[in-house]
Amino acid sequence: MINMFVLIVLEQFENFYFDPDNPINIFEDITEQFRIIWNLYCDESGKKIKHGDVYNFFISLESPFGFFIPDEGEKFDFYD
């Protein structure tokens, strides 16, 4: 039973740790990007953004957090 438990743990470790699309790595990258952009627009305390800068903040963020603005003439399908 211990060998089976170890096998399962190692298999899960391989699936999530070595996978380049690992959700944990993606979360770390997105969190770092969010922190950098947040620091550009926040006040001195680092706790809030002025209401006039909220739009610019979200425009600066990349997907999946930011807004997608299609180019001129580009069709945008919300459900894609």
C-alpha atoms as a PDB file:
ATOM      1  CA  MET A   1       0.000   0.000   0.000  1.00  0.00           C
ATOM      2  CA  ILE A   2       2.849   2.376   0.777  1.00  0.00           C
ATOM      3  CA  ASN A   3       4.379   1.763  -2.649  1.00  0.00           C
ATOM      4  CA  MET A   4       1.065   2.552  -4.315  1.00  0.00           C
ATOM      5  CA  PHE A   5       0.709   5.750  -2.273  1.00  0.00           C
ATOM      6  CA  VAL A   6       4.241   6.829  -3.224  1.00  0.00           C
ATOM      7  CA  LEU A   7       3.527   6.050  -6.882  1.00  0.00           C
ATOM      8  CA  ILE A   8       0.393   8.212  -6.839  1.00  0.00           C
ATOM      9  CA  VAL A   9       2.181  11.097  -5.144  1.00  0.00           C
ATOM     10  CA  LEU A  10       5.088  10.938  -7.608  1.00  0.00           C
ATOM     11  CA  GLU A  11       2.742  10.747 -10.575  1.00  0.00           C
ATOM     12  CA  GLN A  12       0.837  13.825  -9.412  1.00  0.00           C
ATOM     13  CA  PHE A  13       4.095  15.618  -8.742  1.00  0.00           C
ATOM     14  CA  GLU A  14       5.245  14.912 -12.311  1.00  0.00           C
ATOM     15  CA  ASN A  15       1.923  16.026 -13.768  1.00  0.00           C
ATOM     16  CA  PHE A  16       1.829  19.358 -11.970  1.00  0.00           C
ATOM     17  CA  TYR A  17       5.420  20.257 -11.176  1.00  0.00           C
ATOM     18  CA  PHE A  18       7.174  19.492 -14.452  1.00  0.00           C
ATOM     19  CA  ASP A  19       4.327  20.525 -16.753  1.00  0.00           C
ATOM     20  CA  PRO A  20       5.084  23.929 -18.372  1.00  0.00           C
ATOM     21  CA  ASP A  21       1.360  24.747 -18.249  1.00  0.00           C
ATOM     22  CA  ASN A  22       1.345  24.084 -14.519  1.00  0.00           C
ATOM     23  CA  PRO A  23      -1.461  26.102 -12.891  1.00  0.00           C
ATOM     24  CA  ILE A  24       0.829  27.000 -10.000  1.00  0.00           C
ATOM     25  CA  ASN A  25       3.495  28.453 -12.300  1.00  0.00           C
ATOM     26  CA  ILE A  26       0.881  30.308 -14.327  1.00  0.00           C
ATOM     27  CA  PHE A  27      -0.594  31.747 -11.122  1.00  0.00           C
ATOM     28  CA  GLU A  28       2.850  32.920  -9.983  1.00  0.00           C
ATOM     29  CA  ASP A  29       3.462  34.639 -13.331  1.00  0.00           C
ATOM     30  CA  ILE A  30       0.060  36.327 -13.332  1.00  0.00           C
ATOM     31  CA  THR A  31       0.468  37.408  -9.702  1.00  0.00           C
ATOM     32  CA  GLU A  32       3.848  38.979 -10.463  1.00  0.00           C
ATOM     33  CA  GLN A  33       2.426  40.836 -13.468  1.00  0.00           C
ATOM     34  CA  PHE A  34      -0.535  42.025 -11.382  1.00  0.00           C
ATOM     35  CA  ARG A  35       1.796  43.274  -8.611  1.00  0.00           C
ATOM     36  CA  ILE A  36       3.986  45.230 -11.043  1.00  0.00           C
ATOM     37  CA  ILE A  37       1.032  46.924 -12.757  1.00  0.00           C
ATOM     38  CA  TRP A  38      -0.677  47.576  -9.394  1.00  0.00           C
ATOM     39  CA  ASN A  39       2.408  49.396  -8.143  1.00  0.00           C
ATOM     40  CA  LEU A  40       2.296  51.685 -11.182  1.00  0.00           C
ATOM     41  CA  TYR A  41      -1.209  52.928 -10.379  1.00  0.00           C
ATOM     42  CA  CYS A  42      -1.630  52.628  -6.598  1.00  0.00           C
ATOM     43  CA  ASP A  43      -1.319  55.439  -4.067  1.00  0.00           C
ATOM     44  CA  GLU A  44       1.541  55.815  -1.592  1.00  0.00           C
ATOM     45  CA  SER A  45       0.038  53.300   0.831  1.00  0.00           C
ATOM     46  CA  GLY A  46      -0.126  50.616  -1.879  1.00  0.00           C
ATOM     47  CA  LYS A  47      -3.661  49.688  -0.849  1.00  0.00           C
ATOM     48  CA  LYS A  48      -5.853  51.416  -3.401  1.00  0.00           C
ATOM     49  CA  ILE A  49      -5.986  52.922  -6.866  1.00  0.00           C
ATOM     50  CA  LYS A  50      -7.468  56.327  -7.607  1.00  0.00           C
ATOM     51  CA  HIS A  51     -10.803  56.015  -9.368  1.00  0.00           C
ATOM     52  CA  GLY A  52      -9.439  57.781 -12.456  1.00  0.00           C
ATOM     53  CA  ASP A  53      -6.704  55.174 -12.870  1.00  0.00           C
ATOM     54  CA  VAL A  54      -8.874  52.033 -12.680  1.00  0.00           C
ATOM     55  CA  TYR A  55      -9.491  51.953 -16.431  1.00  0.00           C
ATOM     56  CA  ASN A  56      -5.794  52.389 -17.235  1.00  0.00           C
ATOM     57  CA  PHE A  57      -4.936  49.717 -14.678  1.00  0.00           C
ATOM     58  CA  PHE A  58      -7.158  47.105 -16.326  1.00  0.00           C
ATOM     59  CA  ILE A  59      -6.039  48.100 -19.823  1.00  0.00           C
ATOM     60  CA  SER A  60      -2.420  47.565 -18.723  1.00  0.00           C
ATOM     61  CA  LEU A  61      -3.085  44.041 -17.478  1.00  0.00           C
ATOM     62  CA  GLU A  62      -2.743  41.166 -19.887  1.00  0.00           C
ATOM     63  CA  SER A  63      -5.187  38.302 -20.235  1.00  0.00           C
ATOM     64  CA  PRO A  64      -6.906  36.787 -18.249  1.00  0.00           C
ATOM     65  CA  PHE A  65      -7.341  39.771 -15.900  1.00  0.00           C
ATOM     66  CA  GLY A  66      -7.192  42.739 -18.242  1.00  0.00           C
ATOM     67  CA  PHE A  67      -9.540  44.040 -20.884  1.00  0.00           C
ATOM     68  CA  PHE A  68      -9.260  42.942 -24.468  1.00  0.00           C
ATOM     69  CA  ILE A  69      -9.539  45.831 -26.907  1.00  0.00           C
ATOM     70  CA  PRO A  70      -9.906  44.645 -30.506  1.00  0.00           C
ATOM     71  CA  ASP A  71      -8.062  46.539 -33.251  1.00  0.00           C
ATOM     72  CA  GLU A  72      -9.958  48.678 -35.723  1.00  0.00           C
ATOM     73  CA  GLY A  73     -12.125  46.473 -37.928  1.00  0.00           C
ATOM     74  CA  GLU A  74     -11.362  43.327 -35.915  1.00  0.00           C
ATOM     75  CA  LYS A  75     -14.440  41.316 -34.985  1.00  0.00           C
ATOM     76  CA  PHE A  76     -14.713  40.326 -31.351  1.00  0.00           C
ATOM     77  CA  ASP A  77     -16.797  37.379 -30.232  1.00  0.00           C
ATOM     78  CA  PHE A  78     -17.304  37.375 -26.470  1.00  0.00           C
ATOM     79  CA  TYR A  79     -17.928  33.634 -26.415  1.00  0.00           C
ATOM     80  CA  ASP A  80     -14.667  32.615 -28.176  1.00  0.00           C
END
